[in-house]
Each structure stands twice: as structure tokens, then as C-alpha cells.
C-alpha atoms as a PDB file:
ATOM      1  CA  MET A   1      16.699  50.493 -10.304  1.00  0.00           C
ATOM      2  CA  THR A   2      17.192  46.898 -11.414  1.00  0.00           C
ATOM      3  CA  ARG A   3      20.457  45.084 -11.571  1.00  0.00           C
ATOM      4  CA  GLY A   4      21.626  43.416 -14.716  1.00  0.00           C
ATOM      5  CA  PRO A   5      23.416  40.109 -14.943  1.00  0.00           C
ATOM      6  CA  ARG A   6      26.774  39.697 -13.212  1.00  0.00           C
ATOM      7  CA  PRO A   7      29.894  40.259 -15.256  1.00  0.00           C
ATOM      8  CA  ALA A   8      31.150  36.916 -16.579  1.00  0.00           C
ATOM      9  CA  GLY A   9      34.652  37.208 -15.112  1.00  0.00           C
ATOM     10  CA  ARG A  10      33.645  37.839 -11.503  1.00  0.00           C
ATOM     11  CA  PRO A  11      32.634  34.785  -9.424  1.00  0.00           C
ATOM     12  CA  ARG A  12      29.888  35.029  -6.834  1.00  0.00           C
ATOM     13  CA  HIS A  13      31.058  35.581  -3.246  1.00  0.00           C
ATOM     14  CA  VAL A  14      30.575  32.500  -1.057  1.00  0.00           C
ATOM     15  CA  PRO A  15      30.649  33.248   2.704  1.00  0.00           C
ATOM     16  CA  GLN A  16      33.161  31.087   4.596  1.00  0.00           C
ATOM     17  CA  ARG A  17      32.972  29.943   8.222  1.00  0.00           C
ATOM     18  CA  THR A  18      35.454  28.064  10.404  1.00  0.00           C
ATOM     19  CA  CYS A  19      34.563  24.882  12.283  1.00  0.00           C
ATOM     20  CA  VAL A  20      35.355  25.382  15.986  1.00  0.00           C
ATOM     21  CA  ALA A  21      36.490  21.744  16.307  1.00  0.00           C
ATOM     22  CA  CYS A  22      38.704  21.052  13.260  1.00  0.00           C
ATOM     23  CA  ARG A  23      39.436  24.715  12.403  1.00  0.00           C
ATOM     24  CA  LEU A  24      38.798  24.164   8.680  1.00  0.00           C
ATOM     25  CA  GLY A  25      37.137  26.937   6.710  1.00  0.00           C
ATOM     26  CA  LYS A  26      34.224  25.801   4.567  1.00  0.00           C
ATOM     27  CA  PRO A  27      31.291  27.445   2.809  1.00  0.00           C
ATOM     28  CA  LYS A  28      28.696  28.624   5.306  1.00  0.00           C
ATOM     29  CA  ARG A  29      25.968  26.459   3.758  1.00  0.00           C
ATOM     30  CA  GLU A  30      27.983  23.293   4.477  1.00  0.00           C
ATOM     31  CA  MET A  31      28.268  24.091   8.192  1.00  0.00           C
ATOM     32  CA  VAL A  32      25.822  23.739  11.079  1.00  0.00           C
ATOM     33  CA  ARG A  33      25.355  26.848  13.225  1.00  0.00           C
ATOM     34  CA  LEU A  34      24.840  26.483  16.950  1.00  0.00           C
ATOM     35  CA  VAL A  35      23.641  29.490  18.890  1.00  0.00           C
ATOM     36  CA  ARG A  36      23.655  30.506  22.540  1.00  0.00           C
ATOM     37  CA  LEU A  37      20.231  31.961  23.172  1.00  0.00           C
ATOM     38  CA  ALA A  38      19.502  34.818  25.580  1.00  0.00           C
ATOM     39  CA  GLU A  39      18.311  32.319  28.218  1.00  0.00           C
ATOM     40  CA  GLY A  40      21.724  30.610  28.119  1.00  0.00           C
ATOM     41  CA  ASN A  41      20.504  27.526  26.261  1.00  0.00           C
ATOM     42  CA  VAL A  42      22.255  26.193  23.168  1.00  0.00           C
ATOM     43  CA  ALA A  43      20.244  25.311  20.063  1.00  0.00           C
ATOM     44  CA  VAL A  44      20.873  24.289  16.472  1.00  0.00           C
ATOM     45  CA  ASP A  45      20.150  27.183  14.121  1.00  0.00           C
ATOM     46  CA  PRO A  46      19.363  25.715  10.681  1.00  0.00           C
ATOM     47  CA  THR A  47      18.475  29.105   9.175  1.00  0.00           C
ATOM     48  CA  GLY A  48      21.516  30.927  10.585  1.00  0.00           C
ATOM     49  CA  LYS A  49      19.323  33.866  11.565  1.00  0.00           C
ATOM     50  CA  LYS A  50      18.615  33.369  15.269  1.00  0.00           C
ATOM     51  CA  SER A  51      19.990  36.120  17.455  1.00  0.00           C
ATOM     52  CA  GLY A  52      22.689  35.184  19.899  1.00  0.00           C
ATOM     53  CA  ARG A  53      26.322  34.163  19.923  1.00  0.00           C
ATOM     54  CA  GLY A  54      26.957  31.561  17.241  1.00  0.00           C
ATOM     55  CA  ALA A  55      29.548  28.903  16.475  1.00  0.00           C
ATOM     56  CA  TYR A  56      29.876  26.595  13.485  1.00  0.00           C
ATOM     57  CA  LEU A  57      30.584  22.865  13.303  1.00  0.00           C
ATOM     58  CA  CYS A  58      31.156  20.654  10.254  1.00  0.00           C
ATOM     59  CA  SER A  59      28.627  17.932   9.607  1.00  0.00           C
ATOM     60  CA  ASP A  60      31.408  15.418  10.366  1.00  0.00           C
ATOM     61  CA  PRO A  61      30.574  13.316  13.470  1.00  0.00           C
ATOM     62  CA  ALA A  62      34.204  13.573  14.647  1.00  0.00           C
ATOM     63  CA  CYS A  63      33.874  17.367  14.836  1.00  0.00           C
ATOM     64  CA  TRP A  64      30.661  17.061  16.841  1.00  0.00           C
ATOM     65  CA  GLN A  65      32.320  14.649  19.275  1.00  0.00           C
ATOM     66  CA  ALA A  66      35.283  16.992  19.655  1.00  0.00           C
ATOM     67  CA  GLY A  67      33.003  19.981  20.083  1.00  0.00           C
ATOM     68  CA  LEU A  68      31.003  18.320  22.825  1.00  0.00           C
ATOM     69  CA  LYS A  69      33.693  16.314  24.605  1.00  0.00           C
ATOM     70  CA  ARG A  70      36.751  18.606  24.460  1.00  0.00           C
ATOM     71  CA  GLY A  71      34.801  21.701  25.433  1.00  0.00           C
ATOM     72  CA  VAL A  72      35.591  23.744  22.330  1.00  0.00           C
ATOM     73  CA  LEU A  73      31.895  24.435  21.784  1.00  0.00           C
ATOM     74  CA  VAL A  74      31.487  25.713  25.345  1.00  0.00           C
ATOM     75  CA  ARG A  75      34.515  27.966  24.867  1.00  0.00           C
ATOM     76  CA  ALA A  76      33.355  29.282  21.483  1.00  0.00           C
ATOM     77  CA  LEU A  77      29.898  30.122  22.815  1.00  0.00           C
ATOM     78  CA  LYS A  78      31.424  31.663  25.976  1.00  0.00           C
ATOM     79  CA  LEU A  79      29.510  29.427  28.361  1.00  0.00           C
ATOM     80  CA  ASP A  80      30.479  28.255  31.844  1.00  0.00           C
ATOM     81  CA  HIS A  81      29.120  24.782  31.082  1.00  0.00           C
ATOM     82  CA  LEU A  82      26.728  23.036  28.721  1.00  0.00           C
ATOM     83  CA  VAL A  83      23.358  22.163  30.293  1.00  0.00           C
ATOM     84  CA  ALA A  84      22.748  18.388  30.263  1.00  0.00           C
ATOM     85  CA  ALA A  85      19.504  18.735  28.299  1.00  0.00           C
ATOM     86  CA  ASP A  86      21.238  20.824  25.621  1.00  0.00           C
ATOM     87  CA  ALA A  87      24.152  18.365  25.445  1.00  0.00           C
ATOM     88  CA  ALA A  88      21.718  15.458  24.988  1.00  0.00           C
ATOM     89  CA  ALA A  89      19.836  17.325  22.256  1.00  0.00           C
ATOM     90  CA  LEU A  90      23.076  18.170  20.426  1.00  0.00           C
ATOM     91  CA  GLU A  91      24.303  14.567  20.645  1.00  0.00           C
ATOM     92  CA  ALA A  92      20.986  13.353  19.235  1.00  0.00           C
ATOM     93  CA  TYR A  93      21.268  15.882  16.401  1.00  0.00           C
ATOM     94  CA  SER A  94      24.838  14.756  15.640  1.00  0.00           C
ATOM     95  CA  ARG A  95      23.738  11.113  15.420  1.00  0.00           C
ATOM     96  CA  ALA A  96      21.090  12.093  12.859  1.00  0.00           C
ATOM     97  CA  LEU A  97      23.641  13.794  10.581  1.00  0.00           C
ATOM     98  CA  PRO A  98      24.530  11.924   7.388  1.00  0.00           C
ATOM     99  CA  ALA A  99      27.948  10.283   7.175  1.00  0.00           C
ATOM    100  CA  PRO A 100      30.589  12.494   5.543  1.00  0.00           C
ATOM    101  CA  VAL A 101      30.777  12.036   1.775  1.00  0.00           C
ATOM    102  CA  SER A 102      34.417  13.033   1.378  1.00  0.00           C
ATOM    103  CA  PRO A 103      37.294  11.312   3.166  1.00  0.00           C
ATOM    104  CA  SER A 104      38.954  12.929   6.132  1.00  0.00           C
ATOM    105  CA  ILE A 105      41.351  15.736   5.294  1.00  0.00           C
ATOM    106  CA  SER A 106      44.238  13.756   6.790  1.00  0.00           C
ATOM    107  CA  HIS A 107      43.899  11.204   3.979  1.00  0.00           C
ATOM    108  CA  LEU A 108      44.265  13.744   1.182  1.00  0.00           C
ATOM    109  CA  PRO A 109      47.685  14.318  -0.402  1.00  0.00           C
ATOM    110  CA  ILE A 110      49.092  17.731   0.400  1.00  0.00           C
ATOM    111  CA  THR A 111      49.869  19.699  -2.753  1.00  0.00           C
ATOM    112  CA  LEU A 112      50.457  23.296  -3.609  1.00  0.00           C
ATOM    113  CA  ALA A 113      48.121  24.940  -6.072  1.00  0.00           C
ATOM    114  CA  GLY A 114      49.245  24.223  -9.620  1.00  0.00           C
ATOM    115  CA  THR A 115      51.667  21.429  -8.688  1.00  0.00           C
ATOM    116  CA  GLU A 116      51.438  17.691  -9.007  1.00  0.00           C
ATOM    117  CA  PRO A 117      51.738  15.456  -5.922  1.00  0.00           C
ATOM    118  CA  ALA A 118      55.115  13.786  -5.560  1.00  0.00           C
ATOM    119  CA  PRO A 119      55.196  10.178  -6.757  1.00  0.00           C
ATOM    120  CA  ALA A 120      55.309   7.572  -4.005  1.00  0.00           C
ATOM    121  CA  SER A 121      58.797   6.207  -3.508  1.00  0.00           C
ATOM    122  CA  ASP A 122      59.225   2.496  -2.880  1.00  0.00           C
END
């Protein structure tokens, strides 16, 4: 049985994941998955298919720093501690990430859907 085209009114489902550092939900494809392997090591999972406990980080360097320095990554992966070799590999990976294209969320005006931002008062 073959499927026909999707109905025009129904958008395609986009899986969402939450960054363990900044707690923002983003499309899964925009996030980087880290996985705790059976041996206890932590590795980057570019395909998202490795077995093991996973956690997601944004590609923002600030999230990677928070994940590694504040211990949120260790907590999310339910580890006692992060092995030095894994920490070094993750830091190297974070340095190779491209700079974020969009500005930080704190710089965006907060608006409700369908409303205009309030004009700046002088």
C-alpha cells in the first residue's frame, strides 16, 4: 500500500528537543546529541541513533560551556563525573562548532503571538 501526498492543511511534524543548558526547545536537527555509552564514556552522536542515555545541547558555545562547567551535562547523563579525556574531546568539539547565526534569546523583544512589541519610551 502506497501513501499519497500529505493533505495541504496539515504541517509535517518536527520533533523538538530541549537543551540541557539553556532549557530552550528547538527542532531536533538543530541540536547536538551527546550519549553516555555502555562503557560509561560520553560521545557526540551526530546521527542520533547510538544506544545509550542521551542529552541535547544547542550549537551555541555558551550552552556547551554551561554544560561542561556547571555540571548539567553530567546530571542529564546520570554520571558521577565526566572522564577527563571525554571532557577534552567535548571541549574540542565545541570549539569547532560554527558561531551562532541568530542573536542570543535575551536580546530578542518579548511579544505574545499576534501582538506588536511595545514602542520604546524615551
